[in-house]
Amino acid sequence: MEEYYPEVESLKLAIEEKMGRKIRKPGDFGDLACKIADETGSHVGVTTIKRLWGYIGSDSRMREDTLSVFARFVGCADWQGFCADVREKAGVDSAFLTGRQVSAADLANGDCVEIGWLPDRYCLVRHMGGGCFVVEKAVNGKLRVGDTFRASLFCVGQPLYVTDLVQSGGSSVSYVAGIKNGLTLVRKVEKS
């Protein structure tokens, strides 16, 4: 079942959504077994349901035909159909970064990077070493001149995640820029 772990977790969420509650207590497993039998005409034992939810441990794998019964309960033809449906709805959830990018590891102390994001945000940041940056210029955003933060990568089309952001001597927080569309500008500024 390990190779299907994300799909199995999605199946459990779909079942809980259909049931209108979390499946946690012994009575919940019995209720689910009865509902599955009523709606699919197939029997799944309470012990099997407890194994699926991790309520009791087991070294054995869940059989595909058993997973198909659960899948039919949530409206799919079978287990493979459920998996295909989950993958189609989820889309690709990982990819290699291909946009223009600048890595903090490739910067020397004092190197500057221009970054921008929608609608009209712009910052010029200077690398202080070790992935630490100070904001030199800021336009229309929450980052302000003098703020310091840590970042490892600036990449066009990807959000910028910063940690240890300190503004005006306040406490350290995390921040993300360009959540919806990612950074639209990433450029290392050559020293003059």
N, C-alpha and C. Protein backbone atom coordinates (compact mmCIF):
# COMPACT_ATOMS: atom_id res chain seq x y z
N MET A 1 0.84 -1.20 0.00
CA MET A 1 0.00 0.00 0.00
C MET A 1 0.87 1.25 0.00
N GLU A 2 2.16 1.09 0.33
CA GLU A 2 3.03 2.25 0.42
C GLU A 2 3.11 3.00 -0.90
N GLU A 3 3.12 2.26 -2.03
CA GLU A 3 3.25 2.95 -3.30
C GLU A 3 2.01 3.78 -3.62
N TYR A 4 0.89 3.51 -2.95
CA TYR A 4 -0.34 4.25 -3.15
C TYR A 4 -0.65 5.17 -1.98
N TYR A 5 0.32 5.45 -1.13
CA TYR A 5 0.04 6.19 0.10
C TYR A 5 -0.73 7.50 -0.15
N PRO A 6 -0.29 8.37 -1.08
CA PRO A 6 -1.06 9.61 -1.27
C PRO A 6 -2.49 9.35 -1.74
N GLU A 7 -2.67 8.35 -2.61
CA GLU A 7 -4.00 8.03 -3.10
C GLU A 7 -4.88 7.45 -1.99
N VAL A 8 -4.29 6.60 -1.14
CA VAL A 8 -5.04 6.03 -0.02
C VAL A 8 -5.48 7.14 0.94
N GLU A 9 -4.59 8.08 1.21
CA GLU A 9 -4.96 9.20 2.08
C GLU A 9 -6.08 10.02 1.45
N SER A 10 -6.03 10.22 0.13
CA SER A 10 -7.11 10.94 -0.57
C SER A 10 -8.42 10.15 -0.49
N LEU A 11 -8.33 8.84 -0.59
CA LEU A 11 -9.52 8.00 -0.48
C LEU A 11 -10.14 8.14 0.91
N LYS A 12 -9.32 8.11 1.94
CA LYS A 12 -9.84 8.27 3.31
C LYS A 12 -10.51 9.62 3.49
N LEU A 13 -9.91 10.67 2.93
CA LEU A 13 -10.52 12.01 3.01
C LEU A 13 -11.86 12.04 2.28
N ALA A 14 -11.92 11.40 1.10
CA ALA A 14 -13.17 11.37 0.34
C ALA A 14 -14.26 10.61 1.10
N ILE A 15 -13.86 9.53 1.77
CA ILE A 15 -14.83 8.76 2.56
C ILE A 15 -15.34 9.61 3.73
N GLU A 16 -14.43 10.27 4.43
CA GLU A 16 -14.83 11.11 5.55
C GLU A 16 -15.73 12.26 5.09
N GLU A 17 -15.43 12.82 3.92
CA GLU A 17 -16.27 13.88 3.39
C GLU A 17 -17.68 13.35 3.12
N LYS A 18 -17.76 12.17 2.52
CA LYS A 18 -19.06 11.58 2.24
C LYS A 18 -19.81 11.26 3.54
N MET A 19 -19.08 10.80 4.55
CA MET A 19 -19.70 10.48 5.83
C MET A 19 -20.08 11.74 6.61
N GLY A 20 -19.45 12.86 6.28
CA GLY A 20 -19.74 14.12 6.97
C GLY A 20 -19.06 14.24 8.32
N ARG A 21 -18.03 13.43 8.54
CA ARG A 21 -17.29 13.48 9.81
C ARG A 21 -15.99 12.70 9.70
N LYS A 22 -15.12 12.94 10.65
CA LYS A 22 -13.87 12.18 10.74
C LYS A 22 -14.19 10.77 11.23
N ILE A 23 -13.40 9.82 10.75
CA ILE A 23 -13.54 8.43 11.20
C ILE A 23 -12.44 8.21 12.23
N ARG A 24 -12.83 8.13 13.52
CA ARG A 24 -11.82 8.06 14.59
C ARG A 24 -12.16 7.04 15.67
N LYS A 25 -13.43 6.97 16.03
CA LYS A 25 -13.83 6.15 17.17
C LYS A 25 -14.31 4.77 16.71
N PRO A 26 -14.27 3.79 17.60
CA PRO A 26 -14.74 2.44 17.23
C PRO A 26 -16.11 2.43 16.57
N GLY A 27 -17.03 3.21 17.06
CA GLY A 27 -18.38 3.26 16.49
C GLY A 27 -18.38 3.77 15.06
N ASP A 28 -17.44 4.69 14.74
CA ASP A 28 -17.36 5.24 13.38
C ASP A 28 -17.04 4.14 12.37
N PHE A 29 -16.18 3.19 12.76
CA PHE A 29 -15.79 2.12 11.84
C PHE A 29 -16.97 1.21 11.55
N GLY A 30 -17.77 0.91 12.58
CA GLY A 30 -18.97 0.10 12.39
C GLY A 30 -19.99 0.80 11.51
N ASP A 31 -20.19 2.11 11.76
CA ASP A 31 -21.12 2.88 10.93
C ASP A 31 -20.69 2.86 9.46
N LEU A 32 -19.39 3.04 9.24
CA LEU A 32 -18.89 3.06 7.87
C LEU A 32 -19.08 1.70 7.20
N ALA A 33 -18.80 0.63 7.91
CA ALA A 33 -18.99 -0.72 7.34
C ALA A 33 -20.44 -0.92 6.90
N CYS A 34 -21.38 -0.48 7.73
CA CYS A 34 -22.81 -0.62 7.39
C CYS A 34 -23.17 0.22 6.17
N LYS A 35 -22.70 1.45 6.13
CA LYS A 35 -23.00 2.34 5.00
C LYS A 35 -22.43 1.80 3.70
N ILE A 36 -21.21 1.28 3.76
CA ILE A 36 -20.58 0.70 2.56
C ILE A 36 -21.41 -0.48 2.06
N ALA A 37 -21.83 -1.35 2.97
CA ALA A 37 -22.64 -2.51 2.59
C ALA A 37 -23.96 -2.07 1.97
N ASP A 38 -24.62 -1.07 2.59
CA ASP A 38 -25.90 -0.58 2.07
C ASP A 38 -25.76 0.02 0.67
N GLU A 39 -24.71 0.80 0.45
CA GLU A 39 -24.59 1.55 -0.80
C GLU A 39 -23.90 0.79 -1.93
N THR A 40 -23.02 -0.15 -1.59
CA THR A 40 -22.29 -0.86 -2.65
C THR A 40 -22.71 -2.31 -2.79
N GLY A 41 -23.37 -2.85 -1.77
CA GLY A 41 -23.72 -4.26 -1.79
C GLY A 41 -22.53 -5.16 -1.48
N SER A 42 -21.41 -4.57 -1.12
CA SER A 42 -20.20 -5.34 -0.77
C SER A 42 -19.90 -5.17 0.70
N HIS A 43 -19.37 -6.23 1.29
CA HIS A 43 -19.04 -6.20 2.71
C HIS A 43 -17.55 -5.93 2.89
N VAL A 44 -17.25 -4.97 3.78
CA VAL A 44 -15.87 -4.72 4.22
C VAL A 44 -15.91 -4.80 5.74
N GLY A 45 -15.06 -5.64 6.29
CA GLY A 45 -15.06 -5.84 7.74
C GLY A 45 -14.57 -4.62 8.50
N VAL A 46 -15.07 -4.50 9.72
CA VAL A 46 -14.67 -3.40 10.60
C VAL A 46 -13.16 -3.43 10.83
N THR A 47 -12.59 -4.62 10.98
CA THR A 47 -11.14 -4.74 11.19
C THR A 47 -10.38 -4.20 9.99
N THR A 48 -10.87 -4.47 8.79
CA THR A 48 -10.23 -3.96 7.57
C THR A 48 -10.28 -2.43 7.55
N ILE A 49 -11.40 -1.88 7.91
CA ILE A 49 -11.54 -0.41 7.96
C ILE A 49 -10.59 0.17 9.00
N LYS A 50 -10.51 -0.48 10.16
CA LYS A 50 -9.58 0.00 11.19
C LYS A 50 -8.14 -0.06 10.70
N ARG A 51 -7.79 -1.10 9.95
CA ARG A 51 -6.43 -1.20 9.38
C ARG A 51 -6.17 -0.05 8.42
N LEU A 52 -7.16 0.27 7.57
CA LEU A 52 -6.98 1.34 6.60
C LEU A 52 -6.73 2.67 7.30
N TRP A 53 -7.43 2.91 8.38
CA TRP A 53 -7.28 4.17 9.12
C TRP A 53 -6.11 4.15 10.10
N GLY A 54 -5.43 3.02 10.19
CA GLY A 54 -4.28 2.94 11.09
C GLY A 54 -4.68 2.84 12.55
N TYR A 55 -5.94 2.53 12.80
CA TYR A 55 -6.42 2.37 14.17
C TYR A 55 -5.83 1.12 14.81
N ILE A 56 -5.63 0.10 13.98
CA ILE A 56 -4.90 -1.09 14.41
C ILE A 56 -3.79 -1.34 13.38
N GLY A 57 -2.68 -1.84 13.83
CA GLY A 57 -1.54 -2.08 12.95
C GLY A 57 -1.69 -3.37 12.17
N SER A 58 -0.97 -3.42 11.05
CA SER A 58 -0.98 -4.62 10.24
C SER A 58 0.21 -4.58 9.29
N ASP A 59 0.79 -5.75 9.07
CA ASP A 59 1.89 -5.85 8.11
C ASP A 59 1.40 -6.24 6.73
N SER A 60 0.14 -6.64 6.63
CA SER A 60 -0.37 -7.09 5.34
C SER A 60 -0.82 -5.91 4.49
N ARG A 61 -0.79 -6.13 3.18
CA ARG A 61 -1.21 -5.10 2.24
C ARG A 61 -2.72 -5.15 2.06
N MET A 62 -3.30 -3.99 1.79
CA MET A 62 -4.72 -3.92 1.48
C MET A 62 -4.89 -4.40 0.03
N ARG A 63 -5.78 -5.35 -0.19
CA ARG A 63 -5.99 -5.88 -1.54
C ARG A 63 -6.66 -4.83 -2.42
N GLU A 64 -6.33 -4.88 -3.71
CA GLU A 64 -6.88 -3.90 -4.64
C GLU A 64 -8.39 -4.01 -4.74
N ASP A 65 -8.94 -5.22 -4.67
CA ASP A 65 -10.40 -5.34 -4.76
C ASP A 65 -11.08 -4.74 -3.53
N THR A 66 -10.41 -4.76 -2.38
CA THR A 66 -10.95 -4.10 -1.19
C THR A 66 -10.92 -2.59 -1.37
N LEU A 67 -9.81 -2.08 -1.90
CA LEU A 67 -9.72 -0.65 -2.18
C LEU A 67 -10.78 -0.23 -3.20
N SER A 68 -11.09 -1.14 -4.13
CA SER A 68 -12.12 -0.85 -5.13
C SER A 68 -13.50 -0.69 -4.49
N VAL A 69 -13.77 -1.47 -3.44
CA VAL A 69 -15.05 -1.32 -2.73
C VAL A 69 -15.14 0.08 -2.12
N PHE A 70 -14.05 0.51 -1.47
CA PHE A 70 -14.03 1.87 -0.90
C PHE A 70 -14.20 2.91 -2.00
N ALA A 71 -13.54 2.69 -3.15
CA ALA A 71 -13.62 3.63 -4.27
C ALA A 71 -15.05 3.71 -4.81
N ARG A 72 -15.73 2.55 -4.92
CA ARG A 72 -17.13 2.56 -5.37
C ARG A 72 -18.00 3.33 -4.39
N PHE A 73 -17.70 3.22 -3.12
CA PHE A 73 -18.47 3.93 -2.09
C PHE A 73 -18.43 5.44 -2.31
N VAL A 74 -17.31 5.96 -2.83
CA VAL A 74 -17.20 7.41 -3.06
C VAL A 74 -17.50 7.79 -4.51
N GLY A 75 -18.02 6.82 -5.29
CA GLY A 75 -18.51 7.17 -6.62
C GLY A 75 -17.62 6.84 -7.79
N CYS A 76 -16.57 6.09 -7.59
CA CYS A 76 -15.70 5.70 -8.71
C CYS A 76 -15.97 4.25 -9.09
N ALA A 77 -15.59 3.88 -10.30
CA ALA A 77 -15.84 2.52 -10.78
C ALA A 77 -15.02 1.48 -10.01
N ASP A 78 -13.75 1.83 -9.71
CA ASP A 78 -12.87 0.92 -9.01
C ASP A 78 -11.66 1.69 -8.48
N TRP A 79 -10.72 0.98 -7.87
CA TRP A 79 -9.54 1.61 -7.28
C TRP A 79 -8.70 2.33 -8.33
N GLN A 80 -8.46 1.71 -9.46
CA GLN A 80 -7.66 2.34 -10.50
C GLN A 80 -8.35 3.60 -11.03
N GLY A 81 -9.65 3.55 -11.16
CA GLY A 81 -10.41 4.73 -11.58
C GLY A 81 -10.30 5.85 -10.56
N PHE A 82 -10.35 5.50 -9.28
CA PHE A 82 -10.19 6.51 -8.23
C PHE A 82 -8.81 7.15 -8.34
N CYS A 83 -7.77 6.32 -8.48
CA CYS A 83 -6.40 6.85 -8.57
C CYS A 83 -6.25 7.77 -9.77
N ALA A 84 -6.81 7.37 -10.92
CA ALA A 84 -6.72 8.21 -12.12
C ALA A 84 -7.45 9.53 -11.90
N ASP A 85 -8.59 9.48 -11.24
CA ASP A 85 -9.37 10.68 -10.97
C ASP A 85 -8.60 11.63 -10.04
N VAL A 86 -7.99 11.08 -9.00
CA VAL A 86 -7.21 11.90 -8.06
C VAL A 86 -6.05 12.57 -8.78
N ARG A 87 -5.35 11.81 -9.60
CA ARG A 87 -4.20 12.38 -10.32
C ARG A 87 -4.63 13.46 -11.29
N GLU A 88 -5.76 13.25 -11.96
CA GLU A 88 -6.25 14.24 -12.93
C GLU A 88 -6.66 15.53 -12.22
N LYS A 89 -7.36 15.40 -11.10
CA LYS A 89 -7.80 16.58 -10.36
C LYS A 89 -6.63 17.32 -9.73
N ALA A 90 -5.66 16.58 -9.25
CA ALA A 90 -4.52 17.20 -8.56
C ALA A 90 -3.56 17.85 -9.53
N GLY A 91 -3.45 17.33 -10.73
CA GLY A 91 -2.46 17.85 -11.66
C GLY A 91 -1.06 17.48 -11.18
N VAL A 92 -0.09 18.06 -11.82
CA VAL A 92 1.29 17.79 -11.45
C VAL A 92 1.62 18.60 -10.20
N ASP A 93 2.15 17.93 -9.20
CA ASP A 93 2.42 18.58 -7.93
C ASP A 93 3.90 18.78 -7.66
N SER A 94 4.73 18.47 -8.65
CA SER A 94 6.16 18.71 -8.50
C SER A 94 6.75 18.93 -9.89
N ALA A 95 7.82 19.68 -9.94
CA ALA A 95 8.47 19.97 -11.23
C ALA A 95 9.86 20.53 -10.97
N PHE A 96 10.69 20.45 -11.98
CA PHE A 96 11.99 21.10 -11.91
C PHE A 96 11.80 22.59 -12.16
N LEU A 97 12.56 23.41 -11.48
CA LEU A 97 12.48 24.85 -11.67
C LEU A 97 13.26 25.22 -12.92
N THR A 98 12.57 25.86 -13.86
CA THR A 98 13.21 26.18 -15.14
C THR A 98 13.30 27.67 -15.42
N GLY A 99 12.65 28.48 -14.62
CA GLY A 99 12.68 29.93 -14.85
C GLY A 99 14.04 30.52 -14.52
N ARG A 100 14.23 31.75 -14.95
CA ARG A 100 15.46 32.48 -14.62
C ARG A 100 15.59 32.51 -13.10
N GLN A 101 16.77 32.17 -12.59
CA GLN A 101 16.94 32.08 -11.15
C GLN A 101 18.32 32.51 -10.69
N VAL A 102 18.34 32.93 -9.43
CA VAL A 102 19.59 33.30 -8.77
C VAL A 102 19.61 32.57 -7.43
N SER A 103 20.68 31.81 -7.21
CA SER A 103 20.83 31.07 -5.96
C SER A 103 21.71 31.86 -5.00
N ALA A 104 21.31 31.92 -3.75
CA ALA A 104 22.12 32.61 -2.74
C ALA A 104 23.50 31.98 -2.64
N ALA A 105 23.59 30.68 -2.88
CA ALA A 105 24.88 29.99 -2.79
C ALA A 105 25.88 30.47 -3.84
N ASP A 106 25.36 31.07 -4.93
CA ASP A 106 26.23 31.56 -6.00
C ASP A 106 26.59 33.04 -5.85
N LEU A 107 26.10 33.67 -4.80
CA LEU A 107 26.34 35.11 -4.60
C LEU A 107 27.50 35.34 -3.65
N ALA A 108 28.26 36.37 -3.94
CA ALA A 108 29.32 36.82 -3.02
C ALA A 108 28.72 37.88 -2.10
N ASN A 109 29.38 38.11 -0.99
CA ASN A 109 28.94 39.19 -0.09
C ASN A 109 28.94 40.50 -0.87
N GLY A 110 27.87 41.26 -0.74
CA GLY A 110 27.75 42.54 -1.42
C GLY A 110 27.04 42.47 -2.76
N ASP A 111 26.86 41.27 -3.34
CA ASP A 111 26.13 41.15 -4.60
C ASP A 111 24.67 41.55 -4.37
N CYS A 112 24.07 42.16 -5.40
CA CYS A 112 22.68 42.60 -5.29
C CYS A 112 21.80 41.84 -6.28
N VAL A 113 20.54 41.68 -5.90
CA VAL A 113 19.55 41.01 -6.74
C VAL A 113 18.31 41.89 -6.79
N GLU A 114 17.80 42.11 -8.02
CA GLU A 114 16.53 42.81 -8.20
C GLU A 114 15.44 41.75 -8.29
N ILE A 115 14.35 41.99 -7.57
CA ILE A 115 13.20 41.09 -7.64
C ILE A 115 11.94 41.92 -7.79
N GLY A 116 10.96 41.37 -8.48
CA GLY A 116 9.68 42.03 -8.64
C GLY A 116 8.58 41.01 -8.71
N TRP A 117 7.37 41.43 -8.35
CA TRP A 117 6.19 40.57 -8.43
C TRP A 117 4.97 41.44 -8.57
N LEU A 118 3.88 40.84 -9.00
CA LEU A 118 2.65 41.58 -9.26
C LEU A 118 1.97 42.03 -7.98
N PRO A 119 1.24 43.16 -8.01
CA PRO A 119 0.97 43.94 -9.20
C PRO A 119 2.10 44.90 -9.59
N ASP A 120 2.76 45.49 -8.64
CA ASP A 120 3.80 46.48 -8.97
C ASP A 120 4.87 46.53 -7.89
N ARG A 121 5.26 45.36 -7.41
CA ARG A 121 6.23 45.28 -6.31
C ARG A 121 7.65 45.17 -6.85
N TYR A 122 8.58 45.83 -6.18
CA TYR A 122 9.98 45.80 -6.60
C TYR A 122 10.86 45.92 -5.36
N CYS A 123 11.95 45.16 -5.35
CA CYS A 123 12.96 45.27 -4.30
C CYS A 123 14.34 45.07 -4.90
N LEU A 124 15.29 45.77 -4.33
CA LEU A 124 16.70 45.54 -4.59
C LEU A 124 17.26 45.07 -3.26
N VAL A 125 17.84 43.86 -3.25
CA VAL A 125 18.36 43.31 -2.01
C VAL A 125 19.85 43.02 -2.17
N ARG A 126 20.58 43.19 -1.07
CA ARG A 126 22.03 42.95 -1.07
C ARG A 126 22.33 41.74 -0.22
N HIS A 127 23.17 40.85 -0.77
CA HIS A 127 23.55 39.63 -0.07
C HIS A 127 24.62 39.97 0.97
N MET A 128 24.38 39.55 2.21
CA MET A 128 25.32 39.82 3.29
C MET A 128 26.13 38.57 3.65
N GLY A 129 25.90 37.48 2.91
CA GLY A 129 26.61 36.23 3.16
C GLY A 129 25.70 35.22 3.83
N GLY A 130 25.95 33.94 3.56
CA GLY A 130 25.21 32.87 4.21
C GLY A 130 23.72 32.86 3.92
N GLY A 131 23.29 33.40 2.78
CA GLY A 131 21.87 33.44 2.45
C GLY A 131 21.10 34.54 3.16
N CYS A 132 21.82 35.48 3.80
CA CYS A 132 21.19 36.62 4.47
C CYS A 132 21.18 37.82 3.53
N PHE A 133 20.08 38.55 3.52
CA PHE A 133 19.92 39.70 2.64
C PHE A 133 19.41 40.90 3.43
N VAL A 134 19.73 42.09 2.92
CA VAL A 134 19.18 43.33 3.45
C VAL A 134 18.51 44.05 2.28
N VAL A 135 17.33 44.63 2.54
CA VAL A 135 16.59 45.35 1.50
C VAL A 135 17.22 46.73 1.33
N GLU A 136 17.69 47.02 0.11
CA GLU A 136 18.31 48.31 -0.21
C GLU A 136 17.30 49.29 -0.78
N LYS A 137 16.33 48.76 -1.55
CA LYS A 137 15.29 49.60 -2.15
C LYS A 137 14.01 48.79 -2.17
N ALA A 138 12.88 49.43 -1.88
CA ALA A 138 11.59 48.73 -1.86
C ALA A 138 10.50 49.64 -2.39
N VAL A 139 9.66 49.11 -3.27
CA VAL A 139 8.57 49.89 -3.85
C VAL A 139 7.28 49.08 -3.75
N ASN A 140 6.26 49.67 -3.12
CA ASN A 140 4.88 49.17 -3.08
C ASN A 140 4.68 47.81 -2.42
N GLY A 141 5.55 47.38 -1.57
CA GLY A 141 5.36 46.09 -0.94
C GLY A 141 5.46 46.15 0.57
N LYS A 142 5.40 44.98 1.17
CA LYS A 142 5.52 44.88 2.63
C LYS A 142 6.96 44.90 3.09
N LEU A 143 7.89 44.55 2.18
CA LEU A 143 9.30 44.65 2.53
C LEU A 143 9.71 46.11 2.47
N ARG A 144 10.55 46.51 3.45
CA ARG A 144 10.97 47.92 3.54
C ARG A 144 12.48 48.01 3.61
N VAL A 145 13.00 49.16 3.21
CA VAL A 145 14.44 49.40 3.26
C VAL A 145 14.94 49.12 4.68
N GLY A 146 16.02 48.36 4.77
CA GLY A 146 16.61 48.02 6.06
C GLY A 146 16.17 46.68 6.61
N ASP A 147 15.07 46.11 6.07
CA ASP A 147 14.64 44.79 6.51
C ASP A 147 15.72 43.76 6.17
N THR A 148 15.86 42.77 7.02
CA THR A 148 16.79 41.68 6.74
C THR A 148 16.02 40.37 6.71
N PHE A 149 16.52 39.41 5.91
CA PHE A 149 15.86 38.11 5.81
C PHE A 149 16.83 37.08 5.25
N ARG A 150 16.39 35.82 5.30
CA ARG A 150 17.13 34.72 4.69
C ARG A 150 16.32 34.17 3.52
N ALA A 151 17.03 33.83 2.45
CA ALA A 151 16.42 33.18 1.29
C ALA A 151 17.50 32.36 0.61
N SER A 152 17.09 31.28 -0.03
CA SER A 152 18.09 30.45 -0.70
C SER A 152 18.00 30.56 -2.22
N LEU A 153 16.81 30.92 -2.75
CA LEU A 153 16.65 30.93 -4.20
C LEU A 153 15.61 31.96 -4.61
N PHE A 154 15.93 32.70 -5.68
CA PHE A 154 14.99 33.62 -6.32
C PHE A 154 14.75 33.05 -7.71
N CYS A 155 13.49 32.76 -8.08
CA CYS A 155 13.21 32.11 -9.37
C CYS A 155 11.96 32.72 -10.00
N VAL A 156 12.09 33.16 -11.25
CA VAL A 156 10.94 33.70 -11.98
C VAL A 156 9.86 32.63 -12.07
N GLY A 157 8.62 33.05 -11.80
CA GLY A 157 7.48 32.14 -11.88
C GLY A 157 7.20 31.39 -10.60
N GLN A 158 8.06 31.56 -9.59
CA GLN A 158 7.87 30.88 -8.30
C GLN A 158 7.76 31.91 -7.19
N PRO A 159 6.96 31.63 -6.17
CA PRO A 159 6.92 32.54 -5.02
C PRO A 159 8.29 32.62 -4.35
N LEU A 160 8.54 33.72 -3.68
CA LEU A 160 9.76 33.87 -2.89
C LEU A 160 9.40 33.62 -1.44
N TYR A 161 10.02 32.60 -0.85
CA TYR A 161 9.82 32.30 0.56
C TYR A 161 11.03 32.80 1.33
N VAL A 162 10.78 33.66 2.31
CA VAL A 162 11.87 34.16 3.13
C VAL A 162 11.62 33.77 4.58
N THR A 163 12.69 33.55 5.30
CA THR A 163 12.61 33.25 6.72
C THR A 163 13.41 34.28 7.48
N ASP A 164 13.23 34.31 8.77
CA ASP A 164 13.97 35.22 9.65
C ASP A 164 13.87 36.66 9.19
N LEU A 165 12.70 37.06 8.67
CA LEU A 165 12.48 38.45 8.27
C LEU A 165 12.36 39.31 9.51
N VAL A 166 13.22 40.33 9.61
CA VAL A 166 13.18 41.26 10.73
C VAL A 166 12.94 42.65 10.16
N GLN A 167 11.87 43.29 10.63
CA GLN A 167 11.50 44.63 10.19
C GLN A 167 11.55 45.56 11.39
N SER A 168 12.26 46.65 11.25
CA SER A 168 12.34 47.69 12.28
C SER A 168 12.65 47.14 13.66
N GLY A 169 13.56 46.18 13.73
CA GLY A 169 13.96 45.64 15.02
C GLY A 169 12.93 44.76 15.69
N GLY A 170 11.86 44.40 14.97
CA GLY A 170 10.82 43.54 15.53
C GLY A 170 11.29 42.10 15.61
N SER A 171 10.35 41.22 15.91
CA SER A 171 10.68 39.81 16.01
C SER A 171 10.74 39.18 14.62
N SER A 172 11.40 38.07 14.53
CA SER A 172 11.61 37.35 13.28
C SER A 172 10.33 36.65 12.84
N VAL A 173 9.97 36.81 11.55
CA VAL A 173 8.80 36.16 10.97
C VAL A 173 9.18 35.57 9.62
N SER A 174 8.29 34.76 9.06
CA SER A 174 8.47 34.26 7.70
C SER A 174 7.51 35.02 6.80
N TYR A 175 7.83 35.08 5.51
CA TYR A 175 7.06 35.89 4.57
C TYR A 175 7.14 35.24 3.19
N VAL A 176 6.07 35.38 2.40
CA VAL A 176 6.08 34.90 1.02
C VAL A 176 5.65 36.04 0.11
N ALA A 177 6.38 36.21 -0.99
CA ALA A 177 6.07 37.24 -1.99
C ALA A 177 5.69 36.54 -3.29
N GLY A 178 4.70 37.07 -3.99
CA GLY A 178 4.30 36.51 -5.28
C GLY A 178 3.57 35.19 -5.16
N ILE A 179 2.66 35.09 -4.22
CA ILE A 179 1.96 33.82 -3.97
C ILE A 179 1.27 33.30 -5.22
N LYS A 180 0.51 34.14 -5.92
CA LYS A 180 -0.30 33.66 -7.04
C LYS A 180 0.50 33.46 -8.32
N ASN A 181 1.37 34.40 -8.66
CA ASN A 181 2.05 34.35 -9.95
C ASN A 181 3.55 34.17 -9.86
N GLY A 182 4.07 34.15 -8.67
CA GLY A 182 5.52 34.03 -8.51
C GLY A 182 6.23 35.33 -8.81
N LEU A 183 7.53 35.29 -8.74
CA LEU A 183 8.33 36.46 -9.07
C LEU A 183 8.28 36.70 -10.57
N THR A 184 8.20 37.96 -10.97
CA THR A 184 8.20 38.31 -12.39
C THR A 184 9.54 38.88 -12.83
N LEU A 185 10.36 39.27 -11.86
CA LEU A 185 11.68 39.82 -12.14
C LEU A 185 12.68 39.18 -11.19
N VAL A 186 13.74 38.64 -11.74
CA VAL A 186 14.88 38.14 -10.96
C VAL A 186 16.12 38.46 -11.78
N ARG A 187 16.96 39.31 -11.22
CA ARG A 187 18.16 39.67 -11.97
C ARG A 187 19.28 40.04 -10.99
N LYS A 188 20.41 39.39 -11.19
CA LYS A 188 21.59 39.76 -10.42
C LYS A 188 22.13 41.07 -10.98
N VAL A 189 22.39 42.02 -10.11
CA VAL A 189 22.88 43.33 -10.52
C VAL A 189 24.39 43.31 -10.43
N GLU A 190 25.03 43.60 -11.53
CA GLU A 190 26.50 43.62 -11.55
C GLU A 190 27.00 44.79 -10.75
N LYS A 191 28.09 44.57 -10.02
CA LYS A 191 28.70 45.65 -9.25
C LYS A 191 29.33 46.65 -10.21
N SER A 192 29.19 47.94 -9.88
CA SER A 192 29.79 48.94 -10.76
C SER A 192 31.08 49.46 -10.21
